[in-house]
Amino acid sequence: ALLSGVLIGLVFKMVRLPIPAPPVLAGVVGIFGVWLGAYGLTFLMDKL
């Protein structure tokens, strides 16, 4: 995943496009939120 992200970042910079990601902290928090929501729903459904 890290390697593919780096390669995509390189390609976008080479063709002078903005990177396809939000600002660093907002992106990390957003991804964590998606993971937390999916994990939380799975946990809740298992308990119910």
PDB file of all heavy atoms in Angstrom:
ATOM      1  N   ALA A   1       0.831  -1.199   0.000  1.00  0.00           N
ATOM      2  CA  ALA A   1       0.000   0.000   0.000  1.00  0.00           C
ATOM      3  C   ALA A   1       0.871   1.257   0.000  1.00  0.00           C
ATOM      4  O   ALA A   1       0.587   2.214  -0.721  1.00  0.00           O
ATOM      5  CB  ALA A   1      -0.923  -0.005   1.217  1.00  0.00           C
ATOM      6  N   LEU A   2       1.923   1.250   0.793  1.00  0.00           N
ATOM      7  CA  LEU A   2       2.839   2.391   0.823  1.00  0.00           C
ATOM      8  C   LEU A   2       3.526   2.578  -0.523  1.00  0.00           C
ATOM      9  O   LEU A   2       3.587   3.699  -1.044  1.00  0.00           O
ATOM     10  CB  LEU A   2       3.879   2.199   1.920  1.00  0.00           C
ATOM     11  CG  LEU A   2       4.924   3.305   2.054  1.00  0.00           C
ATOM     12  CD1 LEU A   2       4.255   4.626   2.403  1.00  0.00           C
ATOM     13  CD2 LEU A   2       5.961   2.936   3.086  1.00  0.00           C
ATOM     14  N   LEU A   3       3.991   1.503  -1.115  1.00  0.00           N
ATOM     15  CA  LEU A   3       4.659   1.582  -2.416  1.00  0.00           C
ATOM     16  C   LEU A   3       3.713   2.089  -3.500  1.00  0.00           C
ATOM     17  O   LEU A   3       4.084   2.957  -4.298  1.00  0.00           O
ATOM     18  CB  LEU A   3       5.219   0.210  -2.809  1.00  0.00           C
ATOM     19  CG  LEU A   3       5.922   0.143  -4.164  1.00  0.00           C
ATOM     20  CD1 LEU A   3       7.141   1.048  -4.181  1.00  0.00           C
ATOM     21  CD2 LEU A   3       6.295  -1.283  -4.486  1.00  0.00           C
ATOM     22  N   SER A   4       2.489   1.600  -3.518  1.00  0.00           N
ATOM     23  CA  SER A   4       1.542   2.069  -4.531  1.00  0.00           C
ATOM     24  C   SER A   4       1.208   3.543  -4.318  1.00  0.00           C
ATOM     25  O   SER A   4       1.074   4.297  -5.281  1.00  0.00           O
ATOM     26  CB  SER A   4       0.281   1.214  -4.537  1.00  0.00           C
ATOM     27  OG  SER A   4      -0.421   1.350  -3.328  1.00  0.00           O
ATOM     28  N   GLY A   5       1.094   3.978  -3.073  1.00  0.00           N
ATOM     29  CA  GLY A   5       0.852   5.389  -2.793  1.00  0.00           C
ATOM     30  C   GLY A   5       1.998   6.272  -3.265  1.00  0.00           C
ATOM     31  O   GLY A   5       1.780   7.340  -3.846  1.00  0.00           O
ATOM     32  N   VAL A   6       3.213   5.828  -3.022  1.00  0.00           N
ATOM     33  CA  VAL A   6       4.387   6.591  -3.467  1.00  0.00           C
ATOM     34  C   VAL A   6       4.420   6.671  -4.988  1.00  0.00           C
ATOM     35  O   VAL A   6       4.673   7.745  -5.563  1.00  0.00           O
ATOM     36  CB  VAL A   6       5.686   5.965  -2.914  1.00  0.00           C
ATOM     37  CG1 VAL A   6       6.915   6.561  -3.575  1.00  0.00           C
ATOM     38  CG2 VAL A   6       5.759   6.151  -1.398  1.00  0.00           C
ATOM     39  N   LEU A   7       4.157   5.563  -5.652  1.00  0.00           N
ATOM     40  CA  LEU A   7       4.171   5.561  -7.117  1.00  0.00           C
ATOM     41  C   LEU A   7       3.095   6.484  -7.694  1.00  0.00           C
ATOM     42  O   LEU A   7       3.346   7.229  -8.646  1.00  0.00           O
ATOM     43  CB  LEU A   7       3.993   4.144  -7.651  1.00  0.00           C
ATOM     44  CG  LEU A   7       5.178   3.208  -7.442  1.00  0.00           C
ATOM     45  CD1 LEU A   7       4.827   1.795  -7.884  1.00  0.00           C
ATOM     46  CD2 LEU A   7       6.401   3.718  -8.174  1.00  0.00           C
ATOM     47  N   ILE A   8       1.913   6.457  -7.108  1.00  0.00           N
ATOM     48  CA  ILE A   8       0.837   7.337  -7.575  1.00  0.00           C
ATOM     49  C   ILE A   8       1.209   8.797  -7.347  1.00  0.00           C
ATOM     50  O   ILE A   8       1.007   9.654  -8.209  1.00  0.00           O
ATOM     51  CB  ILE A   8      -0.494   6.976  -6.902  1.00  0.00           C
ATOM     52  CG1 ILE A   8      -0.980   5.639  -7.440  1.00  0.00           C
ATOM     53  CG2 ILE A   8      -1.541   8.060  -7.114  1.00  0.00           C
ATOM     54  CD1 ILE A   8      -2.156   5.057  -6.705  1.00  0.00           C
ATOM     55  N   GLY A   9       1.802   9.081  -6.195  1.00  0.00           N
ATOM     56  CA  GLY A   9       2.254  10.443  -5.916  1.00  0.00           C
ATOM     57  C   GLY A   9       3.294  10.922  -6.922  1.00  0.00           C
ATOM     58  O   GLY A   9       3.244  12.065  -7.390  1.00  0.00           O
ATOM     59  N   LEU A  10       4.223  10.046  -7.269  1.00  0.00           N
ATOM     60  CA  LEU A  10       5.244  10.396  -8.263  1.00  0.00           C
ATOM     61  C   LEU A  10       4.626  10.680  -9.629  1.00  0.00           C
ATOM     62  O   LEU A  10       4.983  11.660 -10.296  1.00  0.00           O
ATOM     63  CB  LEU A  10       6.275   9.274  -8.382  1.00  0.00           C
ATOM     64  CG  LEU A  10       7.236   9.090  -7.214  1.00  0.00           C
ATOM     65  CD1 LEU A  10       8.035   7.806  -7.396  1.00  0.00           C
ATOM     66  CD2 LEU A  10       8.148  10.279  -7.080  1.00  0.00           C
ATOM     67  N   VAL A  11       3.713   9.823 -10.053  1.00  0.00           N
ATOM     68  CA  VAL A  11       3.068  10.002 -11.353  1.00  0.00           C
ATOM     69  C   VAL A  11       2.299  11.321 -11.393  1.00  0.00           C
ATOM     70  O   VAL A  11       2.398  12.082 -12.364  1.00  0.00           O
ATOM     71  CB  VAL A  11       2.137   8.811 -11.681  1.00  0.00           C
ATOM     72  CG1 VAL A  11       1.261   9.108 -12.882  1.00  0.00           C
ATOM     73  CG2 VAL A  11       2.959   7.555 -11.917  1.00  0.00           C
ATOM     74  N   PHE A  12       1.549  11.621 -10.334  1.00  0.00           N
ATOM     75  CA  PHE A  12       0.783  12.864 -10.313  1.00  0.00           C
ATOM     76  C   PHE A  12       1.695  14.081 -10.359  1.00  0.00           C
ATOM     77  O   PHE A  12       1.391  15.065 -11.026  1.00  0.00           O
ATOM     78  CB  PHE A  12      -0.134  12.913  -9.079  1.00  0.00           C
ATOM     79  CG  PHE A  12      -1.486  12.319  -9.321  1.00  0.00           C
ATOM     80  CD1 PHE A  12      -1.653  10.964  -9.540  1.00  0.00           C
ATOM     81  CD2 PHE A  12      -2.609  13.121  -9.346  1.00  0.00           C
ATOM     82  CE1 PHE A  12      -2.898  10.413  -9.774  1.00  0.00           C
ATOM     83  CE2 PHE A  12      -3.876  12.590  -9.582  1.00  0.00           C
ATOM     84  CZ  PHE A  12      -4.011  11.237  -9.805  1.00  0.00           C
ATOM     85  N   LYS A  13       2.827  14.044  -9.650  1.00  0.00           N
ATOM     86  CA  LYS A  13       3.767  15.162  -9.691  1.00  0.00           C
ATOM     87  C   LYS A  13       4.404  15.300 -11.068  1.00  0.00           C
ATOM     88  O   LYS A  13       4.609  16.404 -11.560  1.00  0.00           O
ATOM     89  CB  LYS A  13       4.866  14.986  -8.640  1.00  0.00           C
ATOM     90  CG  LYS A  13       4.532  15.546  -7.302  1.00  0.00           C
ATOM     91  CD  LYS A  13       4.275  17.027  -7.389  1.00  0.00           C
ATOM     92  CE  LYS A  13       4.282  17.645  -6.023  1.00  0.00           C
ATOM     93  NZ  LYS A  13       3.888  19.028  -6.024  1.00  0.00           N
ATOM     94  N   MET A  14       4.710  14.164 -11.701  1.00  0.00           N
ATOM     95  CA  MET A  14       5.353  14.203 -13.014  1.00  0.00           C
ATOM     96  C   MET A  14       4.444  14.824 -14.069  1.00  0.00           C
ATOM     97  O   MET A  14       4.925  15.515 -14.966  1.00  0.00           O
ATOM     98  CB  MET A  14       5.799  12.802 -13.435  1.00  0.00           C
ATOM     99  CG  MET A  14       6.991  12.304 -12.652  1.00  0.00           C
ATOM    100  SD  MET A  14       7.397  10.570 -12.962  1.00  0.00           S
ATOM    101  CE  MET A  14       7.612  10.544 -14.728  1.00  0.00           C
ATOM    102  N   VAL A  15       3.132  14.583 -13.982  1.00  0.00           N
ATOM    103  CA  VAL A  15       2.209  15.164 -14.956  1.00  0.00           C
ATOM    104  C   VAL A  15       1.584  16.475 -14.443  1.00  0.00           C
ATOM    105  O   VAL A  15       0.642  16.980 -15.029  1.00  0.00           O
ATOM    106  CB  VAL A  15       1.113  14.163 -15.382  1.00  0.00           C
ATOM    107  CG1 VAL A  15       1.713  12.995 -16.118  1.00  0.00           C
ATOM    108  CG2 VAL A  15       0.298  13.699 -14.209  1.00  0.00           C
ATOM    109  N   ARG A  16       2.150  16.973 -13.345  1.00  0.00           N
ATOM    110  CA  ARG A  16       1.780  18.278 -12.770  1.00  0.00           C
ATOM    111  C   ARG A  16       0.305  18.395 -12.401  1.00  0.00           C
ATOM    112  O   ARG A  16      -0.363  19.386 -12.694  1.00  0.00           O
ATOM    113  CB  ARG A  16       2.194  19.406 -13.699  1.00  0.00           C
ATOM    114  CG  ARG A  16       3.689  19.433 -13.892  1.00  0.00           C
ATOM    115  CD  ARG A  16       4.092  20.443 -14.926  1.00  0.00           C
ATOM    116  NE  ARG A  16       5.471  20.198 -15.308  1.00  0.00           N
ATOM    117  CZ  ARG A  16       6.438  21.077 -15.159  1.00  0.00           C
ATOM    118  NH1 ARG A  16       6.178  22.253 -14.679  1.00  0.00           N
ATOM    119  NH2 ARG A  16       7.661  20.771 -15.514  1.00  0.00           N
ATOM    120  N   LEU A  17      -0.191  17.353 -11.774  1.00  0.00           N
ATOM    121  CA  LEU A  17      -1.556  17.358 -11.248  1.00  0.00           C
ATOM    122  C   LEU A  17      -1.497  17.460  -9.725  1.00  0.00           C
ATOM    123  O   LEU A  17      -0.518  17.025  -9.122  1.00  0.00           O
ATOM    124  CB  LEU A  17      -2.289  16.070 -11.637  1.00  0.00           C
ATOM    125  CG  LEU A  17      -2.631  15.898 -13.100  1.00  0.00           C
ATOM    126  CD1 LEU A  17      -3.169  14.493 -13.346  1.00  0.00           C
ATOM    127  CD2 LEU A  17      -3.643  16.937 -13.538  1.00  0.00           C
ATOM    128  N   PRO A  18      -2.519  18.002  -9.111  1.00  0.00           N
ATOM    129  CA  PRO A  18      -2.522  18.010  -7.642  1.00  0.00           C
ATOM    130  C   PRO A  18      -2.670  16.575  -7.118  1.00  0.00           C
ATOM    131  O   PRO A  18      -3.345  15.753  -7.738  1.00  0.00           O
ATOM    132  CB  PRO A  18      -3.749  18.849  -7.284  1.00  0.00           C
ATOM    133  CG  PRO A  18      -4.594  18.857  -8.498  1.00  0.00           C
ATOM    134  CD  PRO A  18      -3.689  18.658  -9.669  1.00  0.00           C
ATOM    135  N   ILE A  19      -2.031  16.292  -6.007  1.00  0.00           N
ATOM    136  CA  ILE A  19      -2.095  14.936  -5.480  1.00  0.00           C
ATOM    137  C   ILE A  19      -3.526  14.595  -5.071  1.00  0.00           C
ATOM    138  O   ILE A  19      -4.252  15.464  -4.584  1.00  0.00           O
ATOM    139  CB  ILE A  19      -1.120  14.713  -4.310  1.00  0.00           C
ATOM    140  CG1 ILE A  19      -1.406  15.666  -3.160  1.00  0.00           C
ATOM    141  CG2 ILE A  19       0.313  14.832  -4.767  1.00  0.00           C
ATOM    142  CD1 ILE A  19      -0.642  15.340  -1.897  1.00  0.00           C
ATOM    143  N   PRO A  20      -3.939  13.356  -5.276  1.00  0.00           N
ATOM    144  CA  PRO A  20      -5.324  12.959  -4.972  1.00  0.00           C
ATOM    145  C   PRO A  20      -5.518  12.608  -3.498  1.00  0.00           C
ATOM    146  O   PRO A  20      -5.917  11.507  -3.144  1.00  0.00           O
ATOM    147  CB  PRO A  20      -5.523  11.736  -5.860  1.00  0.00           C
ATOM    148  CG  PRO A  20      -4.168  11.125  -5.919  1.00  0.00           C
ATOM    149  CD  PRO A  20      -3.210  12.284  -5.928  1.00  0.00           C
ATOM    150  N   ALA A  21      -5.205  13.562  -2.623  1.00  0.00           N
ATOM    151  CA  ALA A  21      -5.342  13.317  -1.190  1.00  0.00           C
ATOM    152  C   ALA A  21      -5.634  14.636  -0.486  1.00  0.00           C
ATOM    153  O   ALA A  21      -5.183  15.696  -0.925  1.00  0.00           O
ATOM    154  CB  ALA A  21      -4.059  12.711  -0.643  1.00  0.00           C
ATOM    155  N   PRO A  22      -6.376  14.578   0.603  1.00  0.00           N
ATOM    156  CA  PRO A  22      -6.611  15.791   1.392  1.00  0.00           C
ATOM    157  C   PRO A  22      -5.343  16.170   2.154  1.00  0.00           C
ATOM    158  O   PRO A  22      -4.363  15.413   2.136  1.00  0.00           O
ATOM    159  CB  PRO A  22      -7.730  15.380   2.344  1.00  0.00           C
ATOM    160  CG  PRO A  22      -7.612  13.909   2.449  1.00  0.00           C
ATOM    161  CD  PRO A  22      -7.076  13.432   1.133  1.00  0.00           C
ATOM    162  N   PRO A  23      -5.346  17.321   2.831  1.00  0.00           N
ATOM    163  CA  PRO A  23      -4.190  17.675   3.655  1.00  0.00           C
ATOM    164  C   PRO A  23      -3.837  16.538   4.619  1.00  0.00           C
ATOM    165  O   PRO A  23      -4.698  15.753   5.014  1.00  0.00           O
ATOM    166  CB  PRO A  23      -4.655  18.907   4.419  1.00  0.00           C
ATOM    167  CG  PRO A  23      -5.728  19.494   3.566  1.00  0.00           C
ATOM    168  CD  PRO A  23      -6.383  18.326   2.871  1.00  0.00           C
ATOM    169  N   VAL A  24      -2.586  16.474   5.010  1.00  0.00           N
ATOM    170  CA  VAL A  24      -2.048  15.320   5.729  1.00  0.00           C
ATOM    171  C   VAL A  24      -2.873  14.937   6.960  1.00  0.00           C
ATOM    172  O   VAL A  24      -3.363  13.819   7.049  1.00  0.00           O
ATOM    173  CB  VAL A  24      -0.579  15.572   6.121  1.00  0.00           C
ATOM    174  CG1 VAL A  24      -0.040  14.431   6.952  1.00  0.00           C
ATOM    175  CG2 VAL A  24       0.262  15.766   4.881  1.00  0.00           C
ATOM    176  N   LEU A  25      -3.037  15.825   7.909  1.00  0.00           N
ATOM    177  CA  LEU A  25      -3.730  15.462   9.140  1.00  0.00           C
ATOM    178  C   LEU A  25      -5.205  15.140   8.884  1.00  0.00           C
ATOM    179  O   LEU A  25      -5.731  14.154   9.398  1.00  0.00           O
ATOM    180  CB  LEU A  25      -3.610  16.573  10.187  1.00  0.00           C
ATOM    181  CG  LEU A  25      -4.248  16.266  11.537  1.00  0.00           C
ATOM    182  CD1 LEU A  25      -3.642  15.006  12.152  1.00  0.00           C
ATOM    183  CD2 LEU A  25      -4.106  17.440  12.476  1.00  0.00           C
ATOM    184  N   ALA A  26      -5.844  15.939   8.064  1.00  0.00           N
ATOM    185  CA  ALA A  26      -7.247  15.676   7.745  1.00  0.00           C
ATOM    186  C   ALA A  26      -7.403  14.332   7.033  1.00  0.00           C
ATOM    187  O   ALA A  26      -8.363  13.598   7.274  1.00  0.00           O
ATOM    188  CB  ALA A  26      -7.814  16.794   6.885  1.00  0.00           C
ATOM    189  N   GLY A  27      -6.477  13.993   6.172  1.00  0.00           N
ATOM    190  CA  GLY A  27      -6.531  12.717   5.466  1.00  0.00           C
ATOM    191  C   GLY A  27      -6.374  11.534   6.404  1.00  0.00           C
ATOM    192  O   GLY A  27      -7.114  10.556   6.319  1.00  0.00           O
ATOM    193  N   VAL A  28      -5.427  11.633   7.317  1.00  0.00           N
ATOM    194  CA  VAL A  28      -5.198  10.554   8.277  1.00  0.00           C
ATOM    195  C   VAL A  28      -6.419  10.381   9.178  1.00  0.00           C
ATOM    196  O   VAL A  28      -6.873   9.267   9.422  1.00  0.00           O
ATOM    197  CB  VAL A  28      -3.934  10.820   9.114  1.00  0.00           C
ATOM    198  CG1 VAL A  28      -3.812   9.839  10.268  1.00  0.00           C
ATOM    199  CG2 VAL A  28      -2.695  10.765   8.230  1.00  0.00           C
ATOM    200  N   VAL A  29      -6.959  11.490   9.664  1.00  0.00           N
ATOM    201  CA  VAL A  29      -8.136  11.425  10.533  1.00  0.00           C
ATOM    202  C   VAL A  29      -9.334  10.866   9.765  1.00  0.00           C
ATOM    203  O   VAL A  29     -10.096  10.051  10.288  1.00  0.00           O
ATOM    204  CB  VAL A  29      -8.448  12.812  11.144  1.00  0.00           C
ATOM    205  CG1 VAL A  29      -9.780  12.809  11.868  1.00  0.00           C
ATOM    206  CG2 VAL A  29      -7.336  13.239  12.075  1.00  0.00           C
ATOM    207  N   GLY A  30      -9.505  11.270   8.518  1.00  0.00           N
ATOM    208  CA  GLY A  30     -10.600  10.764   7.702  1.00  0.00           C
ATOM    209  C   GLY A  30     -10.492   9.268   7.460  1.00  0.00           C
ATOM    210  O   GLY A  30     -11.481   8.541   7.571  1.00  0.00           O
ATOM    211  N   ILE A  31      -9.318   8.806   7.133  1.00  0.00           N
ATOM    212  CA  ILE A  31      -9.112   7.369   6.909  1.00  0.00           C
ATOM    213  C   ILE A  31      -9.355   6.596   8.200  1.00  0.00           C
ATOM    214  O   ILE A  31      -9.990   5.539   8.195  1.00  0.00           O
ATOM    215  CB  ILE A  31      -7.695   7.102   6.353  1.00  0.00           C
ATOM    216  CG1 ILE A  31      -7.599   7.647   4.930  1.00  0.00           C
ATOM    217  CG2 ILE A  31      -7.348   5.624   6.402  1.00  0.00           C
ATOM    218  CD1 ILE A  31      -6.199   7.672   4.378  1.00  0.00           C
ATOM    219  N   PHE A  32      -8.871   7.129   9.321  1.00  0.00           N
ATOM    220  CA  PHE A  32      -9.114   6.478  10.609  1.00  0.00           C
ATOM    221  C   PHE A  32     -10.612   6.428  10.913  1.00  0.00           C
ATOM    222  O   PHE A  32     -11.109   5.423  11.419  1.00  0.00           O
ATOM    223  CB  PHE A  32      -8.365   7.205  11.728  1.00  0.00           C
ATOM    224  CG  PHE A  32      -8.592   6.594  13.083  1.00  0.00           C
ATOM    225  CD1 PHE A  32      -8.047   5.367  13.398  1.00  0.00           C
ATOM    226  CD2 PHE A  32      -9.373   7.240  14.024  1.00  0.00           C
ATOM    227  CE1 PHE A  32      -8.268   4.777  14.637  1.00  0.00           C
ATOM    228  CE2 PHE A  32      -9.599   6.676  15.267  1.00  0.00           C
ATOM    229  CZ  PHE A  32      -9.042   5.442  15.574  1.00  0.00           C
ATOM    230  N   GLY A  33     -11.327   7.494  10.576  1.00  0.00           N
ATOM    231  CA  GLY A  33     -12.766   7.517  10.796  1.00  0.00           C
ATOM    232  C   GLY A  33     -13.492   6.468   9.985  1.00  0.00           C
ATOM    233  O   GLY A  33     -14.410   5.805  10.485  1.00  0.00           O
ATOM    234  N   VAL A  34     -13.090   6.286   8.738  1.00  0.00           N
ATOM    235  CA  VAL A  34     -13.695   5.250   7.890  1.00  0.00           C
ATOM    236  C   VAL A  34     -13.433   3.872   8.490  1.00  0.00           C
ATOM    237  O   VAL A  34     -14.332   3.037   8.606  1.00  0.00           O
ATOM    238  CB  VAL A  34     -13.141   5.330   6.443  1.00  0.00           C
ATOM    239  CG1 VAL A  34     -13.559   4.113   5.637  1.00  0.00           C
ATOM    240  CG2 VAL A  34     -13.600   6.604   5.780  1.00  0.00           C
ATOM    241  N   TRP A  35     -12.200   3.639   8.896  1.00  0.00           N
ATOM    242  CA  TRP A  35     -11.858   2.349   9.509  1.00  0.00           C
ATOM    243  C   TRP A  35     -12.634   2.138  10.813  1.00  0.00           C
ATOM    244  O   TRP A  35     -13.181   1.059  11.042  1.00  0.00           O
ATOM    245  CB  TRP A  35     -10.352   2.281   9.783  1.00  0.00           C
ATOM    246  CG  TRP A  35      -9.980   1.038  10.527  1.00  0.00           C
ATOM    247  CD1 TRP A  35      -9.752  -0.201  10.001  1.00  0.00           C
ATOM    248  CD2 TRP A  35      -9.836   0.900  11.947  1.00  0.00           C
ATOM    249  NE1 TRP A  35      -9.462  -1.085  11.005  1.00  0.00           N
ATOM    250  CE2 TRP A  35      -9.508  -0.440  12.211  1.00  0.00           C
ATOM    251  CE3 TRP A  35      -9.948   1.785  13.011  1.00  0.00           C
ATOM    252  CZ2 TRP A  35      -9.294  -0.914  13.497  1.00  0.00           C
ATOM    253  CZ3 TRP A  35      -9.730   1.313  14.300  1.00  0.00           C
ATOM    254  CH2 TRP A  35      -9.414  -0.025  14.525  1.00  0.00           C
ATOM    255  N   LEU A  36     -12.686   3.167  11.645  1.00  0.00           N
ATOM    256  CA  LEU A  36     -13.368   3.065  12.928  1.00  0.00           C
ATOM    257  C   LEU A  36     -14.866   2.796  12.737  1.00  0.00           C
ATOM    258  O   LEU A  36     -15.456   1.973  13.443  1.00  0.00           O
ATOM    259  CB  LEU A  36     -13.162   4.336  13.746  1.00  0.00           C
ATOM    260  CG  LEU A  36     -13.667   4.320  15.178  1.00  0.00           C
ATOM    261  CD1 LEU A  36     -12.954   3.240  15.976  1.00  0.00           C
ATOM    262  CD2 LEU A  36     -13.444   5.674  15.817  1.00  0.00           C
ATOM    263  N   GLY A  37     -15.488   3.456  11.781  1.00  0.00           N
ATOM    264  CA  GLY A  37     -16.901   3.216  11.507  1.00  0.00           C
ATOM    265  C   GLY A  37     -17.165   1.794  11.048  1.00  0.00           C
ATOM    266  O   GLY A  37     -18.096   1.136  11.517  1.00  0.00           O
ATOM    267  N   ALA A  38     -16.344   1.300  10.129  1.00  0.00           N
ATOM    268  CA  ALA A  38     -16.518  -0.065   9.628  1.00  0.00           C
ATOM    269  C   ALA A  38     -16.262  -1.087  10.727  1.00  0.00           C
ATOM    270  O   ALA A  38     -17.013  -2.044  10.892  1.00  0.00           O
ATOM    271  CB  ALA A  38     -15.589  -0.316   8.448  1.00  0.00           C
ATOM    272  N   TYR A  39     -15.207  -0.875  11.510  1.00  0.00           N
ATOM    273  CA  TYR A  39     -14.884  -1.794  12.607  1.00  0.00           C
ATOM    274  C   TYR A  39     -15.966  -1.742  13.679  1.00  0.00           C
ATOM    275  O   TYR A  39     -16.385  -2.773  14.196  1.00  0.00           O
ATOM    276  CB  TYR A  39     -13.523  -1.441  13.202  1.00  0.00           C
ATOM    277  CG  TYR A  39     -13.111  -2.377  14.318  1.00  0.00           C
ATOM    278  CD1 TYR A  39     -12.574  -3.622  14.030  1.00  0.00           C
ATOM    279  CD2 TYR A  39     -13.263  -2.010  15.647  1.00  0.00           C
ATOM    280  CE1 TYR A  39     -12.203  -4.491  15.043  1.00  0.00           C
ATOM    281  CE2 TYR A  39     -12.901  -2.870  16.668  1.00  0.00           C
ATOM    282  CZ  TYR A  39     -12.362  -4.097  16.360  1.00  0.00           C
ATOM    283  OH  TYR A  39     -11.998  -4.955  17.368  1.00  0.00           O
ATOM    284  N   GLY A  40     -16.421  -0.542  14.005  1.00  0.00           N
ATOM    285  CA  GLY A  40     -17.449  -0.383  15.019  1.00  0.00           C
ATOM    286  C   GLY A  40     -18.750  -1.059  14.629  1.00  0.00           C
ATOM    287  O   GLY A  40     -19.398  -1.715  15.453  1.00  0.00           O
ATOM    288  N   LEU A  41     -19.156  -0.928  13.375  1.00  0.00           N
ATOM    289  CA  LEU A  41     -20.382  -1.570  12.918  1.00  0.00           C
ATOM    290  C   LEU A  41     -20.248  -3.091  12.940  1.00  0.00           C
ATOM    291  O   LEU A  41     -21.158  -3.795  13.368  1.00  0.00           O
ATOM    292  CB  LEU A  41     -20.759  -1.092  11.516  1.00  0.00           C
ATOM    293  CG  LEU A  41     -22.067  -1.637  10.974  1.00  0.00           C
ATOM    294  CD1 LEU A  41     -23.234  -1.220  11.867  1.00  0.00           C
ATOM    295  CD2 LEU A  41     -22.289  -1.192   9.562  1.00  0.00           C
ATOM    296  N   THR A  42     -19.106  -3.595  12.517  1.00  0.00           N
ATOM    297  CA  THR A  42     -18.863  -5.043  12.565  1.00  0.00           C
ATOM    298  C   THR A  42     -18.921  -5.540  13.999  1.00  0.00           C
ATOM    299  O   THR A  42     -19.550  -6.560  14.287  1.00  0.00           O
ATOM    300  CB  THR A  42     -17.493  -5.377  11.941  1.00  0.00           C
ATOM    301  OG1 THR A  42     -17.468  -4.913  10.603  1.00  0.00           O
ATOM    302  CG2 THR A  42     -17.224  -6.870  11.971  1.00  0.00           C
ATOM    303  N   PHE A  43     -18.289  -4.821  14.908  1.00  0.00           N
ATOM    304  CA  PHE A  43     -18.293  -5.189  16.328  1.00  0.00           C
ATOM    305  C   PHE A  43     -19.717  -5.178  16.879  1.00  0.00           C
ATOM    306  O   PHE A  43     -20.133  -6.115  17.569  1.00  0.00           O
ATOM    307  CB  PHE A  43     -17.399  -4.215  17.116  1.00  0.00           C
ATOM    308  CG  PHE A  43     -17.344  -4.510  18.586  1.00  0.00           C
ATOM    309  CD1 PHE A  43     -16.550  -5.529  19.063  1.00  0.00           C
ATOM    310  CD2 PHE A  43     -18.090  -3.757  19.475  1.00  0.00           C
ATOM    311  CE1 PHE A  43     -16.494  -5.802  20.422  1.00  0.00           C
ATOM    312  CE2 PHE A  43     -18.043  -4.025  20.832  1.00  0.00           C
ATOM    313  CZ  PHE A  43     -17.246  -5.052  21.307  1.00  0.00           C
ATOM    314  N   LEU A  44     -20.463  -4.131  16.563  1.00  0.00           N
ATOM    315  CA  LEU A  44     -21.830  -4.010  17.044  1.00  0.00           C
ATOM    316  C   LEU A  44     -22.728  -5.118  16.490  1.00  0.00           C
ATOM    317  O   LEU A  44     -23.519  -5.715  17.230  1.00  0.00           O
ATOM    318  CB  LEU A  44     -22.401  -2.634  16.667  1.00  0.00           C
ATOM    319  CG  LEU A  44     -23.784  -2.305  17.178  1.00  0.00           C
ATOM    320  CD1 LEU A  44     -23.806  -2.266  18.692  1.00  0.00           C
ATOM    321  CD2 LEU A  44     -24.234  -0.974  16.609  1.00  0.00           C
ATOM    322  N   MET A  45     -22.602  -5.407  15.223  1.00  0.00           N
ATOM    323  CA  MET A  45     -23.414  -6.468  14.616  1.00  0.00           C
ATOM    324  C   MET A  45     -23.080  -7.832  15.220  1.00  0.00           C
ATOM    325  O   MET A  45     -23.972  -8.647  15.440  1.00  0.00           O
ATOM    326  CB  MET A  45     -23.198  -6.506  13.100  1.00  0.00           C
ATOM    327  CG  MET A  45     -23.709  -5.250  12.393  1.00  0.00           C
ATOM    328  SD  MET A  45     -25.442  -4.925  12.658  1.00  0.00           S
ATOM    329  CE  MET A  45     -26.146  -6.221  11.669  1.00  0.00           C
ATOM    330  N   ASP A  46     -21.805  -8.073  15.503  1.00  0.00           N
ATOM    331  CA  ASP A  46     -21.417  -9.335  16.152  1.00  0.00           C
ATOM    332  C   ASP A  46     -22.039  -9.450  17.537  1.00  0.00           C
ATOM    333  O   ASP A  46     -22.514 -10.504  17.945  1.00  0.00           O
ATOM    334  CB  ASP A  46     -19.897  -9.462  16.261  1.00  0.00           C
ATOM    335  CG  ASP A  46     -19.245  -9.801  14.938  1.00  0.00           C
ATOM    336  OD1 ASP A  46     -19.960 -10.194  13.996  1.00  0.00           O
ATOM    337  OD2 ASP A  46     -18.006  -9.657  14.850  1.00  0.00           O
ATOM    338  N   LYS A  47     -22.049  -8.363  18.284  1.00  0.00           N
ATOM    339  CA  LYS A  47     -22.610  -8.372  19.639  1.00  0.00           C
ATOM    340  C   LYS A  47     -24.125  -8.560  19.620  1.00  0.00           C
ATOM    341  O   LYS A  47     -24.685  -9.220  20.477  1.00  0.00           O
ATOM    342  CB  LYS A  47     -22.263  -7.077  20.386  1.00  0.00           C
ATOM    343  CG  LYS A  47     -20.812  -6.955  20.745  1.00  0.00           C
ATOM    344  CD  LYS A  47     -20.442  -8.032  21.750  1.00  0.00           C
ATOM    345  CE  LYS A  47     -18.994  -7.902  22.138  1.00  0.00           C
ATOM    346  NZ  LYS A  47     -18.539  -9.006  22.958  1.00  0.00           N
ATOM    347  N   LEU A  48     -24.790  -7.965  18.632  1.00  0.00           N
ATOM    348  CA  LEU A  48     -26.240  -8.053  18.568  1.00  0.00           C
ATOM    349  C   LEU A  48     -26.731  -9.410  18.068  1.00  0.00           C
ATOM    350  O   LEU A  48     -27.823  -9.835  18.405  1.00  0.00           O
ATOM    351  CB  LEU A  48     -26.796  -6.948  17.686  1.00  0.00           C
ATOM    352  CG  LEU A  48     -26.683  -5.518  18.245  1.00  0.00           C
ATOM    353  CD1 LEU A  48     -27.160  -4.522  17.213  1.00  0.00           C
ATOM    354  CD2 LEU A  48     -27.452  -5.378  19.548  1.00  0.00           C
TER     355      LEU A  48
END
